[in-house]
């Protein structure tokens, strides 16, 4: 147990020593971008196009039918589970 704790401390110490340097590097990088006045601000992203709602062309076949992508074929997936139990009284 003691060796496990020592191994953990030894493994974590380089990471703890690097953490302040990493955080300073990030803050310096962000201050460099704001000090340069020649950069233009980023353009906002365009709004996504609204999805067009289309009616289900397979609705005429009944509930559960869907159209196969890229074709005019309609399919219906379904399934069931059955269990049968029987006994005989012959001896």
PDB file of N, CA and C in Angstrom:
ATOM      1  N   UNK A   1       0.827  -1.184   0.000  1.00  0.00           N
ATOM      2  CA  UNK A   1       0.000   0.000   0.000  1.00  0.00           C
ATOM      3  C   UNK A   1       0.875   1.254   0.000  1.00  0.00           C
ATOM      4  N   UNK A   2       1.952   1.169   0.786  1.00  0.00           N
ATOM      5  CA  UNK A   2       2.859   2.306   0.896  1.00  0.00           C
ATOM      6  C   UNK A   2       3.571   2.562  -0.435  1.00  0.00           C
ATOM      7  N   UNK A   3       4.007   1.502  -1.104  1.00  0.00           N
ATOM      8  CA  UNK A   3       4.698   1.659  -2.391  1.00  0.00           C
ATOM      9  C   UNK A   3       3.740   2.195  -3.456  1.00  0.00           C
ATOM     10  N   UNK A   4       2.489   1.818  -3.392  1.00  0.00           N
ATOM     11  CA  UNK A   4       1.499   2.329  -4.330  1.00  0.00           C
ATOM     12  C   UNK A   4       1.301   3.830  -4.144  1.00  0.00           C
ATOM     13  N   UNK A   5       1.247   4.269  -2.927  1.00  0.00           N
ATOM     14  CA  UNK A   5       1.100   5.695  -2.639  1.00  0.00           C
ATOM     15  C   UNK A   5       2.321   6.474  -3.114  1.00  0.00           C
ATOM     16  N   UNK A   6       3.515   5.925  -2.876  1.00  0.00           N
ATOM     17  CA  UNK A   6       4.742   6.587  -3.323  1.00  0.00           C
ATOM     18  C   UNK A   6       4.784   6.652  -4.846  1.00  0.00           C
ATOM     19  N   UNK A   7       4.401   5.593  -5.507  1.00  0.00           N
ATOM     20  CA  UNK A   7       4.384   5.573  -6.973  1.00  0.00           C
ATOM     21  C   UNK A   7       3.398   6.602  -7.511  1.00  0.00           C
ATOM     22  N   UNK A   8       2.279   6.758  -6.867  1.00  0.00           N
ATOM     23  CA  UNK A   8       1.293   7.737  -7.298  1.00  0.00           C
ATOM     24  C   UNK A   8       1.827   9.157  -7.144  1.00  0.00           C
ATOM     25  N   UNK A   9       2.472   9.451  -6.039  1.00  0.00           N
ATOM     26  CA  UNK A   9       3.033  10.780  -5.797  1.00  0.00           C
ATOM     27  C   UNK A   9       4.129  11.082  -6.813  1.00  0.00           C
ATOM     28  N   UNK A  10       4.974  10.107  -7.100  1.00  0.00           N
ATOM     29  CA  UNK A  10       6.060  10.302  -8.058  1.00  0.00           C
ATOM     30  C   UNK A  10       5.495  10.532  -9.459  1.00  0.00           C
ATOM     31  N   UNK A  11       4.449   9.820  -9.823  1.00  0.00           N
ATOM     32  CA  UNK A  11       3.850   9.975 -11.147  1.00  0.00           C
ATOM     33  C   UNK A  11       3.108  11.305 -11.270  1.00  0.00           C
ATOM     34  N   UNK A  12       2.518  11.792 -10.206  1.00  0.00           N
ATOM     35  CA  UNK A  12       1.722  13.015 -10.257  1.00  0.00           C
ATOM     36  C   UNK A  12       2.572  14.266 -10.123  1.00  0.00           C
ATOM     37  N   UNK A  13       3.769  14.169  -9.558  1.00  0.00           N
ATOM     38  CA  UNK A  13       4.577  15.369  -9.334  1.00  0.00           C
ATOM     39  C   UNK A  13       5.004  16.067 -10.625  1.00  0.00           C
ATOM     40  N   UNK A  14       5.399  15.392 -11.701  1.00  0.00           N
ATOM     41  CA  UNK A  14       5.730  16.132 -12.930  1.00  0.00           C
ATOM     42  C   UNK A  14       4.519  16.839 -13.521  1.00  0.00           C
ATOM     43  N   UNK A  15       3.374  16.248 -13.398  1.00  0.00           N
ATOM     44  CA  UNK A  15       2.162  16.882 -13.916  1.00  0.00           C
ATOM     45  C   UNK A  15       1.823  18.131 -13.124  1.00  0.00           C
ATOM     46  N   UNK A  16       2.007  18.073 -11.818  1.00  0.00           N
ATOM     47  CA  UNK A  16       1.725  19.232 -10.980  1.00  0.00           C
ATOM     48  C   UNK A  16       2.731  20.349 -11.257  1.00  0.00           C
ATOM     49  N   UNK A  17       3.969  19.988 -11.572  1.00  0.00           N
ATOM     50  CA  UNK A  17       4.979  20.998 -11.868  1.00  0.00           C
ATOM     51  C   UNK A  17       4.714  21.667 -13.215  1.00  0.00           C
ATOM     52  N   UNK A  18       4.131  20.943 -14.155  1.00  0.00           N
ATOM     53  CA  UNK A  18       3.867  21.494 -15.489  1.00  0.00           C
ATOM     54  C   UNK A  18       2.586  22.305 -15.555  1.00  0.00           C
ATOM     55  N   UNK A  19       1.684  22.139 -14.625  1.00  0.00           N
ATOM     56  CA  UNK A  19       0.385  22.811 -14.675  1.00  0.00           C
ATOM     57  C   UNK A  19       0.499  24.329 -14.698  1.00  0.00           C
ATOM     58  N   UNK A  20       1.306  24.980 -13.862  1.00  0.00           N
ATOM     59  CA  UNK A  20       1.401  26.441 -13.944  1.00  0.00           C
ATOM     60  C   UNK A  20       1.974  26.916 -15.278  1.00  0.00           C
ATOM     61  N   UNK A  21       2.948  26.192 -15.826  1.00  0.00           N
ATOM     62  CA  UNK A  21       3.533  26.586 -17.102  1.00  0.00           C
ATOM     63  C   UNK A  21       2.507  26.468 -18.225  1.00  0.00           C
ATOM     64  N   UNK A  22       1.695  25.448 -18.180  1.00  0.00           N
ATOM     65  CA  UNK A  22       0.670  25.272 -19.207  1.00  0.00           C
ATOM     66  C   UNK A  22      -0.394  26.357 -19.120  1.00  0.00           C
ATOM     67  N   UNK A  23      -0.797  26.716 -17.916  1.00  0.00           N
ATOM     68  CA  UNK A  23      -1.821  27.747 -17.776  1.00  0.00           C
ATOM     69  C   UNK A  23      -1.283  29.112 -18.177  1.00  0.00           C
ATOM     70  N   UNK A  24       0.024  29.387 -17.940  1.00  0.00           N
ATOM     71  CA  UNK A  24       0.614  30.652 -18.358  1.00  0.00           C
ATOM     72  C   UNK A  24       0.716  30.712 -19.873  1.00  0.00           C
ATOM     73  N   UNK A  25       1.004  29.590 -20.509  1.00  0.00           N
ATOM     74  CA  UNK A  25       1.106  29.549 -21.958  1.00  0.00           C
ATOM     75  C   UNK A  25      -0.230  29.840 -22.609  1.00  0.00           C
ATOM     76  N   UNK A  26      -1.304  29.363 -22.011  1.00  0.00           N
ATOM     77  CA  UNK A  26      -2.644  29.617 -22.554  1.00  0.00           C
ATOM     78  C   UNK A  26      -3.017  31.078 -22.386  1.00  0.00           C
ATOM     79  N   UNK A  27      -2.693  31.653 -21.223  1.00  0.00           N
ATOM     80  CA  UNK A  27      -3.055  33.048 -21.001  1.00  0.00           C
ATOM     81  C   UNK A  27      -2.213  33.973 -21.863  1.00  0.00           C
ATOM     82  N   UNK A  28      -0.959  33.612 -22.133  1.00  0.00           N
ATOM     83  CA  UNK A  28      -0.129  34.437 -23.009  1.00  0.00           C
ATOM     84  C   UNK A  28      -0.628  34.356 -24.439  1.00  0.00           C
ATOM     85  N   UNK A  29      -1.057  33.189 -24.863  1.00  0.00           N
ATOM     86  CA  UNK A  29      -1.568  33.029 -26.222  1.00  0.00           C
ATOM     87  C   UNK A  29      -2.833  33.822 -26.434  1.00  0.00           C
ATOM     88  N   UNK A  30      -3.682  33.897 -25.413  1.00  0.00           N
ATOM     89  CA  UNK A  30      -4.929  34.640 -25.572  1.00  0.00           C
ATOM     90  C   UNK A  30      -4.687  36.131 -25.524  1.00  0.00           C
ATOM     91  N   UNK A  31      -3.654  36.580 -24.777  1.00  0.00           N
ATOM     92  CA  UNK A  31      -3.377  38.013 -24.722  1.00  0.00           C
ATOM     93  C   UNK A  31      -2.703  38.470 -26.000  1.00  0.00           C
ATOM     94  N   UNK A  32      -1.976  37.586 -26.692  1.00  0.00           N
ATOM     95  CA  UNK A  32      -1.345  37.965 -27.939  1.00  0.00           C
ATOM     96  C   UNK A  32      -2.383  38.249 -29.000  1.00  0.00           C
ATOM     97  N   UNK A  33      -3.445  37.469 -29.026  1.00  0.00           N
ATOM     98  CA  UNK A  33      -4.488  37.665 -30.029  1.00  0.00           C
ATOM     99  C   UNK A  33      -5.216  38.981 -29.828  1.00  0.00           C
ATOM    100  N   UNK A  34      -5.388  39.427 -28.572  1.00  0.00           N
ATOM    101  CA  UNK A  34      -6.114  40.658 -28.333  1.00  0.00           C
ATOM    102  C   UNK A  34      -5.231  41.879 -28.518  1.00  0.00           C
ATOM    103  N   UNK A  35      -3.880  41.719 -28.425  1.00  0.00           N
ATOM    104  CA  UNK A  35      -2.999  42.864 -28.576  1.00  0.00           C
ATOM    105  C   UNK A  35      -2.781  43.217 -30.036  1.00  0.00           C
ATOM    106  N   UNK A  36      -3.011  42.285 -30.937  1.00  0.00           N
ATOM    107  CA  UNK A  36      -2.830  42.570 -32.355  1.00  0.00           C
ATOM    108  C   UNK A  36      -4.121  43.142 -32.907  1.00  0.00           C
ATOM    109  N   UNK A  37      -4.078  44.393 -33.333  1.00  0.00           N
ATOM    110  CA  UNK A  37      -5.274  45.045 -33.820  1.00  0.00           C
ATOM    111  C   UNK A  37      -5.553  44.770 -35.281  1.00  0.00           C
ATOM    112  N   UNK A  38      -4.621  44.123 -36.004  1.00  0.00           N
ATOM    113  CA  UNK A  38      -4.822  43.883 -37.427  1.00  0.00           C
ATOM    114  C   UNK A  38      -5.753  42.706 -37.697  1.00  0.00           C
ATOM    115  N   UNK A  39      -6.008  41.881 -36.694  1.00  0.00           N
ATOM    116  CA  UNK A  39      -6.888  40.731 -36.906  1.00  0.00           C
ATOM    117  C   UNK A  39      -8.338  41.174 -36.896  1.00  0.00           C
ATOM    118  N   UNK A  40      -9.089  40.650 -37.840  1.00  0.00           N
ATOM    119  CA  UNK A  40     -10.518  40.946 -37.879  1.00  0.00           C
ATOM    120  C   UNK A  40     -11.248  39.969 -36.972  1.00  0.00           C
ATOM    121  N   UNK A  41     -12.348  40.400 -36.401  1.00  0.00           N
ATOM    122  CA  UNK A  41     -13.117  39.453 -35.583  1.00  0.00           C
ATOM    123  C   UNK A  41     -13.714  38.366 -36.470  1.00  0.00           C
ATOM    124  N   UNK A  42     -13.893  37.209 -35.891  1.00  0.00           N
ATOM    125  CA  UNK A  42     -14.428  36.074 -36.643  1.00  0.00           C
ATOM    126  C   UNK A  42     -15.862  36.340 -37.045  1.00  0.00           C
ATOM    127  N   UNK A  43     -16.196  35.902 -38.247  1.00  0.00           N
ATOM    128  CA  UNK A  43     -17.576  36.052 -38.730  1.00  0.00           C
ATOM    129  C   UNK A  43     -18.462  35.040 -38.022  1.00  0.00           C
ATOM    130  N   UNK A  44     -19.680  35.433 -37.725  1.00  0.00           N
ATOM    131  CA  UNK A  44     -20.581  34.445 -37.100  1.00  0.00           C
ATOM    132  C   UNK A  44     -20.961  33.379 -38.118  1.00  0.00           C
ATOM    133  N   UNK A  45     -21.165  32.188 -37.624  1.00  0.00           N
ATOM    134  CA  UNK A  45     -21.553  31.084 -38.494  1.00  0.00           C
ATOM    135  C   UNK A  45     -22.971  31.288 -38.994  1.00  0.00           C
ATOM    136  N   UNK A  46     -23.246  30.883 -40.231  1.00  0.00           N
ATOM    137  CA  UNK A  46     -24.611  31.017 -40.731  1.00  0.00           C
ATOM    138  C   UNK A  46     -25.547  30.060 -39.997  1.00  0.00           C
ATOM    139  N   UNK A  47     -26.784  30.463 -39.879  1.00  0.00           N
ATOM    140  CA  UNK A  47     -27.771  29.624 -39.200  1.00  0.00           C
ATOM    141  C   UNK A  47     -28.046  28.394 -40.057  1.00  0.00           C
ATOM    142  N   UNK A  48     -28.209  27.232 -39.424  1.00  0.00           N
ATOM    143  CA  UNK A  48     -28.488  26.033 -40.207  1.00  0.00           C
ATOM    144  C   UNK A  48     -29.857  26.142 -40.877  1.00  0.00           C
ATOM    145  N   UNK A  49     -29.939  25.564 -42.060  1.00  0.00           N
ATOM    146  CA  UNK A  49     -31.193  25.596 -42.803  1.00  0.00           C
ATOM    147  C   UNK A  49     -32.236  24.761 -42.065  1.00  0.00           C
ATOM    148  N   UNK A  50     -33.464  25.237 -41.985  1.00  0.00           N
ATOM    149  CA  UNK A  50     -34.490  24.449 -41.304  1.00  0.00           C
ATOM    150  C   UNK A  50     -34.780  23.175 -42.083  1.00  0.00           C
ATOM    151  N   UNK A  51     -35.020  22.116 -41.347  1.00  0.00           N
ATOM    152  CA  UNK A  51     -35.322  20.838 -41.991  1.00  0.00           C
ATOM    153  C   UNK A  51     -36.715  20.898 -42.598  1.00  0.00           C
ATOM    154  N   UNK A  52     -36.794  20.388 -43.800  1.00  0.00           N
ATOM    155  CA  UNK A  52     -38.091  20.365 -44.465  1.00  0.00           C
ATOM    156  C   UNK A  52     -38.848  19.135 -43.995  1.00  0.00           C
ATOM    157  N   UNK A  53     -40.046  19.351 -43.563  1.00  0.00           N
ATOM    158  CA  UNK A  53     -40.865  18.232 -43.127  1.00  0.00           C
ATOM    159  C   UNK A  53     -41.630  17.720 -44.337  1.00  0.00           C
ATOM    160  N   UNK A  54     -41.442  16.457 -44.615  1.00  0.00           N
ATOM    161  CA  UNK A  54     -42.146  15.838 -45.736  1.00  0.00           C
ATOM    162  C   UNK A  54     -43.103  14.801 -45.183  1.00  0.00           C
ATOM    163  N   UNK A  55     -44.174  14.595 -45.898  1.00  0.00           N
ATOM    164  CA  UNK A  55     -45.131  13.592 -45.464  1.00  0.00           C
ATOM    165  C   UNK A  55     -44.577  12.210 -45.801  1.00  0.00           C
ATOM    166  N   UNK A  56     -45.029  11.238 -45.089  1.00  0.00           N
ATOM    167  CA  UNK A  56     -44.593   9.865 -45.307  1.00  0.00           C
ATOM    168  C   UNK A  56     -45.331   9.301 -46.518  1.00  0.00           C
ATOM    169  N   UNK A  57     -44.627   9.040 -47.621  1.00  0.00           N
ATOM    170  CA  UNK A  57     -45.305   8.510 -48.805  1.00  0.00           C
ATOM    171  C   UNK A  57     -45.802   7.085 -48.594  1.00  0.00           C
ATOM    172  N   UNK A  58     -45.343   6.425 -47.563  1.00  0.00           N
ATOM    173  CA  UNK A  58     -45.755   5.047 -47.303  1.00  0.00           C
ATOM    174  C   UNK A  58     -46.918   4.968 -46.322  1.00  0.00           C
ATOM    175  N   UNK A  59     -47.458   6.101 -45.919  1.00  0.00           N
ATOM    176  CA  UNK A  59     -48.558   6.100 -44.957  1.00  0.00           C
ATOM    177  C   UNK A  59     -49.792   5.408 -45.524  1.00  0.00           C
ATOM    178  N   UNK A  60     -49.919   5.378 -46.836  1.00  0.00           N
ATOM    179  CA  UNK A  60     -51.073   4.728 -47.459  1.00  0.00           C
ATOM    180  C   UNK A  60     -51.077   3.216 -47.214  1.00  0.00           C
ATOM    181  N   UNK A  61     -49.912   2.640 -46.955  1.00  0.00           N
ATOM    182  CA  UNK A  61     -49.830   1.201 -46.712  1.00  0.00           C
ATOM    183  C   UNK A  61     -50.227   0.832 -45.295  1.00  0.00           C
ATOM    184  N   UNK A  62     -50.223   1.803 -44.396  1.00  0.00           N
ATOM    185  CA  UNK A  62     -50.603   1.533 -43.023  1.00  0.00           C
ATOM    186  C   UNK A  62     -49.526   1.990 -42.058  1.00  0.00           C
ATOM    187  N   UNK A  63     -49.802   1.851 -40.747  1.00  0.00           N
ATOM    188  CA  UNK A  63     -48.815   2.297 -39.754  1.00  0.00           C
ATOM    189  C   UNK A  63     -47.589   1.386 -39.744  1.00  0.00           C
ATOM    190  N   UNK A  64     -46.442   1.978 -39.530  1.00  0.00           N
ATOM    191  CA  UNK A  64     -45.213   1.202 -39.429  1.00  0.00           C
ATOM    192  C   UNK A  64     -44.418   1.095 -40.709  1.00  0.00           C
ATOM    193  N   UNK A  65     -44.958   1.520 -41.821  1.00  0.00           N
ATOM    194  CA  UNK A  65     -44.233   1.455 -43.076  1.00  0.00           C
ATOM    195  C   UNK A  65     -43.345   2.682 -43.211  1.00  0.00           C
ATOM    196  N   UNK A  66     -42.115   2.469 -43.675  1.00  0.00           N
ATOM    197  CA  UNK A  66     -41.168   3.554 -43.901  1.00  0.00           C
ATOM    198  C   UNK A  66     -40.556   3.390 -45.279  1.00  0.00           C
ATOM    199  N   UNK A  67     -40.061   4.502 -45.819  1.00  0.00           N
ATOM    200  CA  UNK A  67     -39.463   4.473 -47.145  1.00  0.00           C
ATOM    201  C   UNK A  67     -37.968   4.194 -47.019  1.00  0.00           C
ATOM    202  N   UNK A  68     -37.447   3.335 -47.878  1.00  0.00           N
ATOM    203  CA  UNK A  68     -36.027   3.046 -47.919  1.00  0.00           C
ATOM    204  C   UNK A  68     -35.324   4.252 -48.522  1.00  0.00           C
ATOM    205  N   UNK A  69     -34.251   4.727 -47.876  1.00  0.00           N
ATOM    206  CA  UNK A  69     -33.530   5.904 -48.341  1.00  0.00           C
ATOM    207  C   UNK A  69     -33.034   5.692 -49.765  1.00  0.00           C
ATOM    208  N   UNK A  70     -33.260   6.665 -50.619  1.00  0.00           N
ATOM    209  CA  UNK A  70     -32.751   6.628 -51.987  1.00  0.00           C
ATOM    210  C   UNK A  70     -33.579   5.789 -52.936  1.00  0.00           C
ATOM    211  N   UNK A  71     -34.740   5.342 -52.524  1.00  0.00           N
ATOM    212  CA  UNK A  71     -35.590   4.557 -53.425  1.00  0.00           C
ATOM    213  C   UNK A  71     -37.052   4.872 -53.142  1.00  0.00           C
ATOM    214  N   UNK A  72     -37.905   4.285 -53.929  1.00  0.00           N
ATOM    215  CA  UNK A  72     -39.340   4.470 -53.733  1.00  0.00           C
ATOM    216  C   UNK A  72     -39.963   3.255 -53.050  1.00  0.00           C
ATOM    217  N   UNK A  73     -39.148   2.411 -52.449  1.00  0.00           N
ATOM    218  CA  UNK A  73     -39.614   1.182 -51.826  1.00  0.00           C
ATOM    219  C   UNK A  73     -40.052   1.449 -50.393  1.00  0.00           C
ATOM    220  N   UNK A  74     -41.197   0.884 -50.016  1.00  0.00           N
ATOM    221  CA  UNK A  74     -41.701   0.984 -48.651  1.00  0.00           C
ATOM    222  C   UNK A  74     -41.580  -0.377 -47.985  1.00  0.00           C
ATOM    223  N   UNK A  75     -41.097  -0.389 -46.759  1.00  0.00           N
ATOM    224  CA  UNK A  75     -40.953  -1.640 -46.016  1.00  0.00           C
ATOM    225  C   UNK A  75     -41.524  -1.465 -44.621  1.00  0.00           C
ATOM    226  N   UNK A  76     -41.867  -2.587 -44.034  1.00  0.00           N
ATOM    227  CA  UNK A  76     -42.348  -2.579 -42.653  1.00  0.00           C
ATOM    228  C   UNK A  76     -41.587  -3.661 -41.905  1.00  0.00           C
ATOM    229  N   UNK A  77     -40.935  -3.252 -40.836  1.00  0.00           N
ATOM    230  CA  UNK A  77     -40.198  -4.199 -40.027  1.00  0.00           C
ATOM    231  C   UNK A  77     -41.044  -4.564 -38.825  1.00  0.00           C
ATOM    232  N   UNK A  78     -41.054  -5.817 -38.502  1.00  0.00           N
ATOM    233  CA  UNK A  78     -41.820  -6.260 -37.353  1.00  0.00           C
ATOM    234  C   UNK A  78     -41.312  -7.616 -36.905  1.00  0.00           C
ATOM    235  N   UNK A  79     -41.824  -8.057 -35.836  1.00  0.00           N
ATOM    236  CA  UNK A  79     -41.409  -9.354 -35.329  1.00  0.00           C
ATOM    237  C   UNK A  79     -42.284  -9.764 -34.167  1.00  0.00           C
ATOM    238  N   UNK A  80     -42.096 -10.961 -33.743  1.00  0.00           N
ATOM    239  CA  UNK A  80     -42.867 -11.455 -32.620  1.00  0.00           C
ATOM    240  C   UNK A  80     -42.145 -12.614 -31.966  1.00  0.00           C
ATOM    241  N   UNK A  81     -42.559 -12.914 -30.767  1.00  0.00           N
ATOM    242  CA  UNK A  81     -41.981 -14.023 -30.029  1.00  0.00           C
ATOM    243  C   UNK A  81     -43.135 -14.919 -29.574  1.00  0.00           C
ATOM    244  N   UNK A  82     -42.954 -16.171 -29.770  1.00  0.00           N
ATOM    245  CA  UNK A  82     -43.987 -17.114 -29.349  1.00  0.00           C
ATOM    246  C   UNK A  82     -43.406 -18.177 -28.441  1.00  0.00           C
ATOM    247  N   UNK A  83     -44.193 -18.605 -27.480  1.00  0.00           N
ATOM    248  CA  UNK A  83     -43.770 -19.655 -26.557  1.00  0.00           C
ATOM    249  C   UNK A  83     -44.883 -20.694 -26.510  1.00  0.00           C
ATOM    250  N   UNK A  84     -44.512 -21.927 -26.683  1.00  0.00           N
ATOM    251  CA  UNK A  84     -45.486 -23.008 -26.623  1.00  0.00           C
ATOM    252  C   UNK A  84     -45.134 -23.994 -25.523  1.00  0.00           C
ATOM    253  N   UNK A  85     -46.149 -24.396 -24.799  1.00  0.00           N
ATOM    254  CA  UNK A  85     -45.949 -25.352 -23.707  1.00  0.00           C
ATOM    255  C   UNK A  85     -46.988 -26.447 -23.876  1.00  0.00           C
ATOM    256  N   UNK A  86     -46.558 -27.670 -23.749  1.00  0.00           N
ATOM    257  CA  UNK A  86     -47.479 -28.787 -23.865  1.00  0.00           C
ATOM    258  C   UNK A  86     -47.183 -29.845 -22.822  1.00  0.00           C
ATOM    259  N   UNK A  87     -48.154 -30.661 -22.567  1.00  0.00           N
ATOM    260  CA  UNK A  87     -47.956 -31.757 -21.625  1.00  0.00           C
ATOM    261  C   UNK A  87     -48.809 -32.943 -22.047  1.00  0.00           C
ATOM    262  N   UNK A  88     -48.450 -34.086 -21.553  1.00  0.00           N
ATOM    263  CA  UNK A  88     -49.175 -35.304 -21.864  1.00  0.00           C
ATOM    264  C   UNK A  88     -49.458 -36.042 -20.553  1.00  0.00           C
ATOM    265  N   UNK A  89     -50.637 -36.625 -20.492  1.00  0.00           N
ATOM    266  CA  UNK A  89     -50.991 -37.337 -19.263  1.00  0.00           C
ATOM    267  C   UNK A  89     -50.859 -38.861 -19.442  1.00  0.00           C
ATOM    268  N   UNK A  90     -50.313 -39.337 -20.543  1.00  0.00           N
ATOM    269  CA  UNK A  90     -50.143 -40.778 -20.767  1.00  0.00           C
ATOM    270  C   UNK A  90     -49.049 -41.319 -19.856  1.00  0.00           C
ATOM    271  N   UNK A  91     -49.278 -42.537 -19.409  1.00  0.00           N
ATOM    272  CA  UNK A  91     -48.273 -43.202 -18.589  1.00  0.00           C
ATOM    273  C   UNK A  91     -47.971 -44.542 -19.119  1.00  0.00           C
TER     274      UNK A  91
END
